[in-house]
Amino acid sequence: EHIDGQPARVLGVVHLKDVVKAGIRERFDELRRMGI
């Protein structure tokens, strides 16, 4: 942000991420048990 009459400043950072679909790790474990 930059307020008039003051130097601009950083307030912080927003963390964006590729959200892994829920339960997918367990399904991949099942595929591994099937030999895939």
Full PDB file with SEQRES, HELIX, SHEET, SSBOND, CRYST1, ORIGX, SCALE, CONECT and MASTER records, all heavy atoms in Angstrom:
SEQRES   1 A   36  GLU HIS ILE ASP GLY GLN PRO ALA ARG VAL LEU GLY VAL          
SEQRES   2 A   36  VAL HIS LEU LYS ASP VAL VAL LYS ALA GLY ILE ARG GLU          
SEQRES   3 A   36  ARG PHE ASP GLU LEU ARG ARG MET GLY ILE                      
HELIX    1 AA1 ILE A   24  ARG A   33  1                                  10    
CRYST1    1.000    1.000    1.000  90.00  90.00  90.00 P 1           1          
ORIGX1      1.000000  0.000000  0.000000        0.00000                         
ORIGX2      0.000000  1.000000  0.000000        0.00000                         
ORIGX3      0.000000  0.000000  1.000000        0.00000                         
SCALE1      1.000000  0.000000  0.000000        0.00000                         
SCALE2      0.000000  1.000000  0.000000        0.00000                         
SCALE3      0.000000  0.000000  1.000000        0.00000                         
ATOM      1  N   GLU A   1       0.836  -1.192   0.000  1.00  0.00           N  
ATOM      2  CA  GLU A   1       0.000   0.000   0.000  1.00  0.00           C  
ATOM      3  C   GLU A   1       0.878   1.252   0.000  1.00  0.00           C  
ATOM      4  O   GLU A   1       2.032   1.235   0.451  1.00  0.00           O  
ATOM      5  CB  GLU A   1      -0.929   0.028   1.217  1.00  0.00           C  
ATOM      6  CG  GLU A   1      -0.234   0.271   2.548  1.00  0.00           C  
ATOM      7  CD  GLU A   1      -1.206   0.479   3.703  1.00  0.00           C  
ATOM      8  OE1 GLU A   1      -2.422   0.430   3.466  1.00  0.00           O  
ATOM      9  OE2 GLU A   1      -0.721   0.686   4.836  1.00  0.00           O  
ATOM     10  N   HIS A   2       0.284   2.322  -0.513  1.00  0.00           N  
ATOM     11  CA  HIS A   2       0.953   3.631  -0.504  1.00  0.00           C  
ATOM     12  C   HIS A   2      -0.055   4.665  -0.016  1.00  0.00           C  
ATOM     13  O   HIS A   2      -1.078   4.912  -0.679  1.00  0.00           O  
ATOM     14  CB  HIS A   2       1.445   3.992  -1.903  1.00  0.00           C  
ATOM     15  CG  HIS A   2       2.046   5.357  -1.966  1.00  0.00           C  
ATOM     16  ND1 HIS A   2       1.900   6.192  -3.048  1.00  0.00           N  
ATOM     17  CD2 HIS A   2       2.801   6.052  -1.061  1.00  0.00           C  
ATOM     18  CE1 HIS A   2       2.532   7.325  -2.828  1.00  0.00           C  
ATOM     19  NE2 HIS A   2       3.092   7.265  -1.621  1.00  0.00           N  
ATOM     20  N   ILE A   3       0.209   5.211   1.149  1.00  0.00           N  
ATOM     21  CA  ILE A   3      -0.630   6.267   1.711  1.00  0.00           C  
ATOM     22  C   ILE A   3       0.012   7.600   1.359  1.00  0.00           C  
ATOM     23  O   ILE A   3       1.235   7.776   1.487  1.00  0.00           O  
ATOM     24  CB  ILE A   3      -0.775   6.109   3.232  1.00  0.00           C  
ATOM     25  CG1 ILE A   3      -1.461   4.763   3.541  1.00  0.00           C  
ATOM     26  CG2 ILE A   3      -1.582   7.252   3.833  1.00  0.00           C  
ATOM     27  CD1 ILE A   3      -1.563   4.449   5.014  1.00  0.00           C  
ATOM     28  N   ASP A   4      -0.832   8.551   0.926  1.00  0.00           N  
ATOM     29  CA  ASP A   4      -0.327   9.841   0.461  1.00  0.00           C  
ATOM     30  C   ASP A   4       0.558  10.511   1.515  1.00  0.00           C  
ATOM     31  O   ASP A   4       0.191  10.595   2.690  1.00  0.00           O  
ATOM     32  CB  ASP A   4      -1.525  10.751   0.139  1.00  0.00           C  
ATOM     33  CG  ASP A   4      -1.094  11.971  -0.645  1.00  0.00           C  
ATOM     34  OD1 ASP A   4      -0.064  11.897  -1.330  1.00  0.00           O  
ATOM     35  OD2 ASP A   4      -1.798  12.989  -0.563  1.00  0.00           O  
ATOM     36  N   GLY A   5       1.735  10.905   1.083  1.00  0.00           N  
ATOM     37  CA  GLY A   5       2.671  11.576   1.987  1.00  0.00           C  
ATOM     38  C   GLY A   5       3.594  10.640   2.727  1.00  0.00           C  
ATOM     39  O   GLY A   5       4.451  11.097   3.503  1.00  0.00           O  
ATOM     40  N   GLN A   6       3.447   9.317   2.509  1.00  0.00           N  
ATOM     41  CA  GLN A   6       4.295   8.330   3.179  1.00  0.00           C  
ATOM     42  C   GLN A   6       4.922   7.413   2.129  1.00  0.00           C  
ATOM     43  O   GLN A   6       4.378   7.246   1.034  1.00  0.00           O  
ATOM     44  CB  GLN A   6       3.476   7.481   4.168  1.00  0.00           C  
ATOM     45  CG  GLN A   6       2.769   8.258   5.260  1.00  0.00           C  
ATOM     46  CD  GLN A   6       1.955   7.352   6.158  1.00  0.00           C  
ATOM     47  OE1 GLN A   6       2.159   6.141   6.181  1.00  0.00           O  
ATOM     48  NE2 GLN A   6       1.028   7.951   6.903  1.00  0.00           N  
ATOM     49  N   PRO A   7       6.043   6.820   2.456  1.00  0.00           N  
ATOM     50  CA  PRO A   7       6.622   5.852   1.508  1.00  0.00           C  
ATOM     51  C   PRO A   7       5.749   4.596   1.436  1.00  0.00           C  
ATOM     52  O   PRO A   7       5.123   4.204   2.423  1.00  0.00           O  
ATOM     53  CB  PRO A   7       8.001   5.549   2.101  1.00  0.00           C  
ATOM     54  CG  PRO A   7       7.882   5.872   3.542  1.00  0.00           C  
ATOM     55  CD  PRO A   7       6.903   7.005   3.657  1.00  0.00           C  
ATOM     56  N   ALA A   8       5.704   4.000   0.262  1.00  0.00           N  
ATOM     57  CA  ALA A   8       4.953   2.748   0.101  1.00  0.00           C  
ATOM     58  C   ALA A   8       5.586   1.648   0.944  1.00  0.00           C  
ATOM     59  O   ALA A   8       6.795   1.666   1.213  1.00  0.00           O  
ATOM     60  CB  ALA A   8       4.923   2.344  -1.373  1.00  0.00           C  
ATOM     61  N   ARG A   9       4.785   0.672   1.332  1.00  0.00           N  
ATOM     62  CA  ARG A   9       5.297  -0.446   2.138  1.00  0.00           C  
ATOM     63  C   ARG A   9       4.579  -1.740   1.749  1.00  0.00           C  
ATOM     64  O   ARG A   9       3.438  -1.732   1.277  1.00  0.00           O  
ATOM     65  CB  ARG A   9       5.094  -0.182   3.623  1.00  0.00           C  
ATOM     66  CG  ARG A   9       3.636  -0.077   4.047  1.00  0.00           C  
ATOM     67  CD  ARG A   9       3.486  -0.063   5.549  1.00  0.00           C  
ATOM     68  NE  ARG A   9       2.071  -0.041   5.944  1.00  0.00           N  
ATOM     69  CZ  ARG A   9       1.635  -0.461   7.125  1.00  0.00           C  
ATOM     70  NH1 ARG A   9       2.502  -0.954   8.011  1.00  0.00           N  
ATOM     71  NH2 ARG A   9       0.349  -0.396   7.430  1.00  0.00           N  
ATOM     72  N   VAL A  10       5.285  -2.827   1.974  1.00  0.00           N  
ATOM     73  CA  VAL A  10       4.716  -4.158   1.738  1.00  0.00           C  
ATOM     74  C   VAL A  10       3.975  -4.592   2.993  1.00  0.00           C  
ATOM     75  O   VAL A  10       4.518  -4.516   4.105  1.00  0.00           O  
ATOM     76  CB  VAL A  10       5.808  -5.176   1.373  1.00  0.00           C  
ATOM     77  CG1 VAL A  10       5.217  -6.580   1.310  1.00  0.00           C  
ATOM     78  CG2 VAL A  10       6.458  -4.817   0.048  1.00  0.00           C  
ATOM     79  N   LEU A  11       2.715  -5.061   2.810  1.00  0.00           N  
ATOM     80  CA  LEU A  11       1.915  -5.541   3.943  1.00  0.00           C  
ATOM     81  C   LEU A  11       2.117  -7.031   4.197  1.00  0.00           C  
ATOM     82  O   LEU A  11       1.974  -7.497   5.326  1.00  0.00           O  
ATOM     83  CB  LEU A  11       0.434  -5.258   3.687  1.00  0.00           C  
ATOM     84  CG  LEU A  11       0.055  -3.785   3.496  1.00  0.00           C  
ATOM     85  CD1 LEU A  11      -1.434  -3.663   3.181  1.00  0.00           C  
ATOM     86  CD2 LEU A  11       0.415  -2.968   4.726  1.00  0.00           C  
ATOM     87  N   GLY A  12       2.421  -7.769   3.170  1.00  0.00           N  
ATOM     88  CA  GLY A  12       2.589  -9.211   3.335  1.00  0.00           C  
ATOM     89  C   GLY A  12       2.456  -9.937   2.014  1.00  0.00           C  
ATOM     90  O   GLY A  12       2.468  -9.319   0.938  1.00  0.00           O  
ATOM     91  N   VAL A  13       2.302 -11.242   2.104  1.00  0.00           N  
ATOM     92  CA  VAL A  13       2.291 -12.095   0.909  1.00  0.00           C  
ATOM     93  C   VAL A  13       1.084 -13.037   0.968  1.00  0.00           C  
ATOM     94  O   VAL A  13       0.771 -13.582   2.038  1.00  0.00           O  
ATOM     95  CB  VAL A  13       3.590 -12.913   0.804  1.00  0.00           C  
ATOM     96  CG1 VAL A  13       3.599 -13.739  -0.473  1.00  0.00           C  
ATOM     97  CG2 VAL A  13       4.811 -12.001   0.856  1.00  0.00           C  
ATOM     98  N   VAL A  14       0.431 -13.211  -0.156  1.00  0.00           N  
ATOM     99  CA  VAL A  14      -0.641 -14.205  -0.289  1.00  0.00           C  
ATOM    100  C   VAL A  14      -0.026 -15.481  -0.870  1.00  0.00           C  
ATOM    101  O   VAL A  14       0.663 -15.425  -1.897  1.00  0.00           O  
ATOM    102  CB  VAL A  14      -1.772 -13.707  -1.207  1.00  0.00           C  
ATOM    103  CG1 VAL A  14      -2.870 -14.761  -1.310  1.00  0.00           C  
ATOM    104  CG2 VAL A  14      -2.334 -12.394  -0.695  1.00  0.00           C  
ATOM    105  N   HIS A  15      -0.272 -16.608  -0.211  1.00  0.00           N  
ATOM    106  CA  HIS A  15       0.255 -17.897  -0.671  1.00  0.00           C  
ATOM    107  C   HIS A  15      -0.773 -18.555  -1.589  1.00  0.00           C  
ATOM    108  O   HIS A  15      -1.861 -18.929  -1.159  1.00  0.00           O  
ATOM    109  CB  HIS A  15       0.542 -18.791   0.537  1.00  0.00           C  
ATOM    110  CG  HIS A  15       1.134 -20.126   0.166  1.00  0.00           C  
ATOM    111  ND1 HIS A  15       1.452 -21.080   1.100  1.00  0.00           N  
ATOM    112  CD2 HIS A  15       1.469 -20.675  -1.026  1.00  0.00           C  
ATOM    113  CE1 HIS A  15       1.946 -22.139   0.502  1.00  0.00           C  
ATOM    114  NE2 HIS A  15       1.958 -21.912  -0.799  1.00  0.00           N  
ATOM    115  N   LEU A  16      -0.423 -18.683  -2.862  1.00  0.00           N  
ATOM    116  CA  LEU A  16      -1.240 -19.432  -3.824  1.00  0.00           C  
ATOM    117  C   LEU A  16      -0.616 -20.802  -4.032  1.00  0.00           C  
ATOM    118  O   LEU A  16       0.604 -20.931  -4.086  1.00  0.00           O  
ATOM    119  CB  LEU A  16      -1.303 -18.716  -5.180  1.00  0.00           C  
ATOM    120  CG  LEU A  16      -1.992 -17.361  -5.278  1.00  0.00           C  
ATOM    121  CD1 LEU A  16      -1.930 -16.883  -6.717  1.00  0.00           C  
ATOM    122  CD2 LEU A  16      -3.423 -17.427  -4.809  1.00  0.00           C  
ATOM    123  N   LYS A  17      -1.449 -21.795  -4.152  1.00  0.00           N  
ATOM    124  CA  LYS A  17      -0.907 -23.127  -4.426  1.00  0.00           C  
ATOM    125  C   LYS A  17      -1.859 -23.904  -5.308  1.00  0.00           C  
ATOM    126  O   LYS A  17      -3.066 -23.637  -5.351  1.00  0.00           O  
ATOM    127  CB  LYS A  17      -0.654 -23.896  -3.120  1.00  0.00           C  
ATOM    128  CG  LYS A  17      -1.908 -24.263  -2.340  1.00  0.00           C  
ATOM    129  CD  LYS A  17      -1.595 -25.159  -1.157  1.00  0.00           C  
ATOM    130  CE  LYS A  17      -1.111 -26.518  -1.590  1.00  0.00           C  
ATOM    131  NZ  LYS A  17      -0.944 -27.466  -0.472  1.00  0.00           N  
ATOM    132  N   ASP A  18      -1.272 -24.841  -6.030  1.00  0.00           N  
ATOM    133  CA  ASP A  18      -2.071 -25.819  -6.762  1.00  0.00           C  
ATOM    134  C   ASP A  18      -2.646 -26.777  -5.729  1.00  0.00           C  
ATOM    135  O   ASP A  18      -1.897 -27.539  -5.100  1.00  0.00           O  
ATOM    136  CB  ASP A  18      -1.208 -26.602  -7.763  1.00  0.00           C  
ATOM    137  CG  ASP A  18      -0.966 -25.808  -9.032  1.00  0.00           C  
ATOM    138  OD1 ASP A  18      -1.860 -25.045  -9.413  1.00  0.00           O  
ATOM    139  OD2 ASP A  18       0.107 -25.954  -9.624  1.00  0.00           O  
ATOM    140  N   VAL A  19      -3.942 -26.763  -5.555  1.00  0.00           N  
ATOM    141  CA  VAL A  19      -4.570 -27.570  -4.512  1.00  0.00           C  
ATOM    142  C   VAL A  19      -4.739 -28.997  -5.009  1.00  0.00           C  
ATOM    143  O   VAL A  19      -5.425 -29.247  -6.012  1.00  0.00           O  
ATOM    144  CB  VAL A  19      -5.927 -26.972  -4.097  1.00  0.00           C  
ATOM    145  CG1 VAL A  19      -6.587 -27.836  -3.029  1.00  0.00           C  
ATOM    146  CG2 VAL A  19      -5.734 -25.548  -3.593  1.00  0.00           C  
ATOM    147  N   VAL A  20      -4.103 -29.931  -4.333  1.00  0.00           N  
ATOM    148  CA  VAL A  20      -4.227 -31.348  -4.681  1.00  0.00           C  
ATOM    149  C   VAL A  20      -5.614 -31.824  -4.291  1.00  0.00           C  
ATOM    150  O   VAL A  20      -6.121 -31.511  -3.207  1.00  0.00           O  
ATOM    151  CB  VAL A  20      -3.145 -32.180  -3.959  1.00  0.00           C  
ATOM    152  CG1 VAL A  20      -3.364 -33.666  -4.186  1.00  0.00           C  
ATOM    153  CG2 VAL A  20      -1.765 -31.761  -4.455  1.00  0.00           C  
ATOM    154  N   LYS A  21      -6.258 -32.559  -5.174  1.00  0.00           N  
ATOM    155  CA  LYS A  21      -7.622 -33.019  -4.919  1.00  0.00           C  
ATOM    156  C   LYS A  21      -7.677 -33.921  -3.693  1.00  0.00           C  
ATOM    157  O   LYS A  21      -6.776 -34.733  -3.465  1.00  0.00           O  
ATOM    158  CB  LYS A  21      -8.176 -33.744  -6.149  1.00  0.00           C  
ATOM    159  CG  LYS A  21      -8.378 -32.814  -7.344  1.00  0.00           C  
ATOM    160  CD  LYS A  21      -9.020 -33.523  -8.521  1.00  0.00           C  
ATOM    161  CE  LYS A  21      -9.280 -32.558  -9.658  1.00  0.00           C  
ATOM    162  NZ  LYS A  21      -9.914 -33.201 -10.812  1.00  0.00           N  
ATOM    163  N   ALA A  22      -8.748 -33.775  -2.939  1.00  0.00           N  
ATOM    164  CA  ALA A  22      -8.898 -34.514  -1.687  1.00  0.00           C  
ATOM    165  C   ALA A  22      -8.909 -36.019  -1.937  1.00  0.00           C  
ATOM    166  O   ALA A  22      -9.551 -36.511  -2.869  1.00  0.00           O  
ATOM    167  CB  ALA A  22     -10.190 -34.091  -0.983  1.00  0.00           C  
ATOM    168  N   GLY A  23      -8.193 -36.770  -1.096  1.00  0.00           N  
ATOM    169  CA  GLY A  23      -8.199 -38.227  -1.141  1.00  0.00           C  
ATOM    170  C   GLY A  23      -7.373 -38.846  -2.246  1.00  0.00           C  
ATOM    171  O   GLY A  23      -7.345 -40.077  -2.396  1.00  0.00           O  
ATOM    172  N   ILE A  24      -6.660 -38.010  -3.015  1.00  0.00           N  
ATOM    173  CA  ILE A  24      -5.963 -38.574  -4.170  1.00  0.00           C  
ATOM    174  C   ILE A  24      -4.753 -39.401  -3.747  1.00  0.00           C  
ATOM    175  O   ILE A  24      -4.381 -40.373  -4.409  1.00  0.00           O  
ATOM    176  CB  ILE A  24      -5.560 -37.449  -5.146  1.00  0.00           C  
ATOM    177  CG1 ILE A  24      -5.291 -38.050  -6.530  1.00  0.00           C  
ATOM    178  CG2 ILE A  24      -4.348 -36.671  -4.646  1.00  0.00           C  
ATOM    179  CD1 ILE A  24      -5.224 -37.016  -7.622  1.00  0.00           C  
ATOM    180  N   ARG A  25      -4.108 -39.051  -2.629  1.00  0.00           N  
ATOM    181  CA  ARG A  25      -2.949 -39.821  -2.185  1.00  0.00           C  
ATOM    182  C   ARG A  25      -3.348 -41.257  -1.846  1.00  0.00           C  
ATOM    183  O   ARG A  25      -2.641 -42.216  -2.197  1.00  0.00           O  
ATOM    184  CB  ARG A  25      -2.299 -39.149  -0.968  1.00  0.00           C  
ATOM    185  CG  ARG A  25      -0.996 -39.802  -0.557  1.00  0.00           C  
ATOM    186  CD  ARG A  25      -0.355 -39.145   0.648  1.00  0.00           C  
ATOM    187  NE  ARG A  25       0.969 -39.671   0.879  1.00  0.00           N  
ATOM    188  CZ  ARG A  25       2.084 -39.178   0.386  1.00  0.00           C  
ATOM    189  NH1 ARG A  25       2.022 -38.095  -0.382  1.00  0.00           N  
ATOM    190  NH2 ARG A  25       3.255 -39.731   0.630  1.00  0.00           N  
ATOM    191  N   GLU A  26      -4.481 -41.418  -1.174  1.00  0.00           N  
ATOM    192  CA  GLU A  26      -4.948 -42.760  -0.838  1.00  0.00           C  
ATOM    193  C   GLU A  26      -5.273 -43.571  -2.091  1.00  0.00           C  
ATOM    194  O   GLU A  26      -5.026 -44.780  -2.152  1.00  0.00           O  
ATOM    195  CB  GLU A  26      -6.192 -42.666   0.057  1.00  0.00           C  
ATOM    196  CG  GLU A  26      -5.949 -42.127   1.460  1.00  0.00           C  
ATOM    197  CD  GLU A  26      -5.703 -40.633   1.489  1.00  0.00           C  
ATOM    198  OE1 GLU A  26      -6.048 -39.954   0.486  1.00  0.00           O  
ATOM    199  OE2 GLU A  26      -5.179 -40.120   2.503  1.00  0.00           O  
ATOM    200  N   ARG A  27      -5.808 -42.895  -3.115  1.00  0.00           N  
ATOM    201  CA  ARG A  27      -6.129 -43.619  -4.336  1.00  0.00           C  
ATOM    202  C   ARG A  27      -4.860 -44.059  -5.060  1.00  0.00           C  
ATOM    203  O   ARG A  27      -4.809 -45.142  -5.645  1.00  0.00           O  
ATOM    204  CB  ARG A  27      -6.973 -42.739  -5.266  1.00  0.00           C  
ATOM    205  CG  ARG A  27      -8.269 -42.211  -4.671  1.00  0.00           C  
ATOM    206  CD  ARG A  27      -9.180 -43.300  -4.125  1.00  0.00           C  
ATOM    207  NE  ARG A  27      -9.670 -44.206  -5.128  1.00  0.00           N  
ATOM    208  CZ  ARG A  27     -10.779 -44.002  -5.848  1.00  0.00           C  
ATOM    209  NH1 ARG A  27     -11.483 -42.907  -5.684  1.00  0.00           N  
ATOM    210  NH2 ARG A  27     -11.185 -44.896  -6.728  1.00  0.00           N  
ATOM    211  N   PHE A  28      -3.816 -43.227  -5.015  1.00  0.00           N  
ATOM    212  CA  PHE A  28      -2.555 -43.619  -5.629  1.00  0.00           C  
ATOM    213  C   PHE A  28      -1.919 -44.785  -4.873  1.00  0.00           C  
ATOM    214  O   PHE A  28      -1.263 -45.638  -5.478  1.00  0.00           O  
ATOM    215  CB  PHE A  28      -1.589 -42.433  -5.688  1.00  0.00           C  
ATOM    216  CG  PHE A  28      -1.946 -41.420  -6.729  1.00  0.00           C  
ATOM    217  CD1 PHE A  28      -1.566 -40.098  -6.595  1.00  0.00           C  
ATOM    218  CD2 PHE A  28      -2.663 -41.775  -7.855  1.00  0.00           C  
ATOM    219  CE1 PHE A  28      -1.895 -39.156  -7.561  1.00  0.00           C  
ATOM    220  CE2 PHE A  28      -3.006 -40.849  -8.822  1.00  0.00           C  
ATOM    221  CZ  PHE A  28      -2.622 -39.538  -8.675  1.00  0.00           C  
ATOM    222  N   ASP A  29      -2.088 -44.828  -3.563  1.00  0.00           N  
ATOM    223  CA  ASP A  29      -1.611 -45.971  -2.779  1.00  0.00           C  
ATOM    224  C   ASP A  29      -2.307 -47.248  -3.240  1.00  0.00           C  
ATOM    225  O   ASP A  29      -1.683 -48.320  -3.332  1.00  0.00           O  
ATOM    226  CB  ASP A  29      -1.869 -45.743  -1.286  1.00  0.00           C  
ATOM    227  CG  ASP A  29      -0.964 -44.667  -0.699  1.00  0.00           C  
ATOM    228  OD1 ASP A  29       0.086 -44.369  -1.318  1.00  0.00           O  
ATOM    229  OD2 ASP A  29      -1.304 -44.125   0.368  1.00  0.00           O  
ATOM    230  N   GLU A  30      -3.594 -47.127  -3.549  1.00  0.00           N  
ATOM    231  CA  GLU A  30      -4.347 -48.288  -4.016  1.00  0.00           C  
ATOM    232  C   GLU A  30      -3.856 -48.742  -5.386  1.00  0.00           C  
ATOM    233  O   GLU A  30      -3.738 -49.943  -5.650  1.00  0.00           O  
ATOM    234  CB  GLU A  30      -5.837 -47.938  -4.064  1.00  0.00           C  
ATOM    235  CG  GLU A  30      -6.736 -49.125  -4.360  1.00  0.00           C  
ATOM    236  CD  GLU A  30      -8.206 -48.773  -4.261  1.00  0.00           C  
ATOM    237  OE1 GLU A  30      -8.524 -47.695  -3.706  1.00  0.00           O  
ATOM    238  OE2 GLU A  30      -9.033 -49.574  -4.735  1.00  0.00           O  
ATOM    239  N   LEU A  31      -3.566 -47.774  -6.268  1.00  0.00           N  
ATOM    240  CA  LEU A  31      -3.015 -48.127  -7.574  1.00  0.00           C  
ATOM    241  C   LEU A  31      -1.684 -48.857  -7.425  1.00  0.00           C  
ATOM    242  O   LEU A  31      -1.398 -49.812  -8.146  1.00  0.00           O  
ATOM    243  CB  LEU A  31      -2.818 -46.864  -8.416  1.00  0.00           C  
ATOM    244  CG  LEU A  31      -4.067 -46.264  -9.063  1.00  0.00           C  
ATOM    245  CD1 LEU A  31      -3.763 -44.888  -9.619  1.00  0.00           C  
ATOM    246  CD2 LEU A  31      -4.585 -47.174 -10.161  1.00  0.00           C  
ATOM    247  N   ARG A  32      -0.864 -48.407  -6.468  1.00  0.00           N  
ATOM    248  CA  ARG A  32       0.432 -49.044  -6.236  1.00  0.00           C  
ATOM    249  C   ARG A  32       0.237 -50.501  -5.808  1.00  0.00           C  
ATOM    250  O   ARG A  32       0.991 -51.388  -6.224  1.00  0.00           O  
ATOM    251  CB  ARG A  32       1.199 -48.253  -5.182  1.00  0.00           C  
ATOM    252  CG  ARG A  32       2.695 -48.522  -5.160  1.00  0.00           C  
ATOM    253  CD  ARG A  32       3.405 -47.540  -4.250  1.00  0.00           C  
ATOM    254  NE  ARG A  32       3.348 -46.164  -4.779  1.00  0.00           N  
ATOM    255  CZ  ARG A  32       2.628 -45.189  -4.250  1.00  0.00           C  
ATOM    256  NH1 ARG A  32       1.916 -45.396  -3.152  1.00  0.00           N  
ATOM    257  NH2 ARG A  32       2.632 -43.984  -4.780  1.00  0.00           N  
ATOM    258  N   ARG A  33      -0.762 -50.750  -4.962  1.00  0.00           N  
ATOM    259  CA  ARG A  33      -1.044 -52.133  -4.535  1.00  0.00           C  
ATOM    260  C   ARG A  33      -1.511 -52.991  -5.705  1.00  0.00           C  
ATOM    261  O   ARG A  33      -1.346 -54.204  -5.683  1.00  0.00           O  
ATOM    262  CB  ARG A  33      -2.107 -52.130  -3.431  1.00  0.00           C  
ATOM    263  CG  ARG A  33      -1.592 -51.624  -2.086  1.00  0.00           C  
ATOM    264  CD  ARG A  33      -2.588 -51.935  -0.973  1.00  0.00           C  
ATOM    265  NE  ARG A  33      -3.831 -51.203  -1.133  1.00  0.00           N  
ATOM    266  CZ  ARG A  33      -4.056 -49.992  -0.652  1.00  0.00           C  
ATOM    267  NH1 ARG A  33      -3.102 -49.359   0.025  1.00  0.00           N  
ATOM    268  NH2 ARG A  33      -5.215 -49.396  -0.826  1.00  0.00           N  
ATOM    269  N   MET A  34      -2.084 -52.363  -6.722  1.00  0.00           N  
ATOM    270  CA  MET A  34      -2.538 -53.088  -7.905  1.00  0.00           C  
ATOM    271  C   MET A  34      -1.402 -53.293  -8.902  1.00  0.00           C  
ATOM    272  O   MET A  34      -1.602 -53.858  -9.974  1.00  0.00           O  
ATOM    273  CB  MET A  34      -3.689 -52.333  -8.572  1.00  0.00           C  
ATOM    274  CG  MET A  34      -4.935 -52.236  -7.699  1.00  0.00           C  
ATOM    275  SD  MET A  34      -6.162 -51.058  -8.322  1.00  0.00           S  
ATOM    276  CE  MET A  34      -6.685 -51.876  -9.810  1.00  0.00           C  
ATOM    277  N   GLY A  35      -0.190 -52.813  -8.546  1.00  0.00           N  
ATOM    278  CA  GLY A  35       0.965 -52.996  -9.416  1.00  0.00           C  
ATOM    279  C   GLY A  35       1.077 -51.967 -10.513  1.00  0.00           C  
ATOM    280  O   GLY A  35       1.773 -52.191 -11.508  1.00  0.00           O  
ATOM    281  N   ILE A  36       0.412 -50.817 -10.352  1.00  0.00           N  
ATOM    282  CA  ILE A  36       0.433 -49.770 -11.377  1.00  0.00           C  
ATOM    283  C   ILE A  36       1.330 -48.631 -10.920  1.00  0.00           C  
ATOM    284  O   ILE A  36       1.178 -48.109  -9.817  1.00  0.00           O  
ATOM    285  CB  ILE A  36      -0.996 -49.256 -11.645  1.00  0.00           C  
ATOM    286  CG1 ILE A  36      -1.865 -50.390 -12.185  1.00  0.00           C  
ATOM    287  CG2 ILE A  36      -0.974 -48.085 -12.629  1.00  0.00           C  
ATOM    288  CD1 ILE A  36      -3.318 -50.020 -12.333  1.00  0.00           C  
TER     289      ILE A  36                                                      
MASTER        0    0    0    1    0    0    0    6  288    1    0    3          
END                                                                             
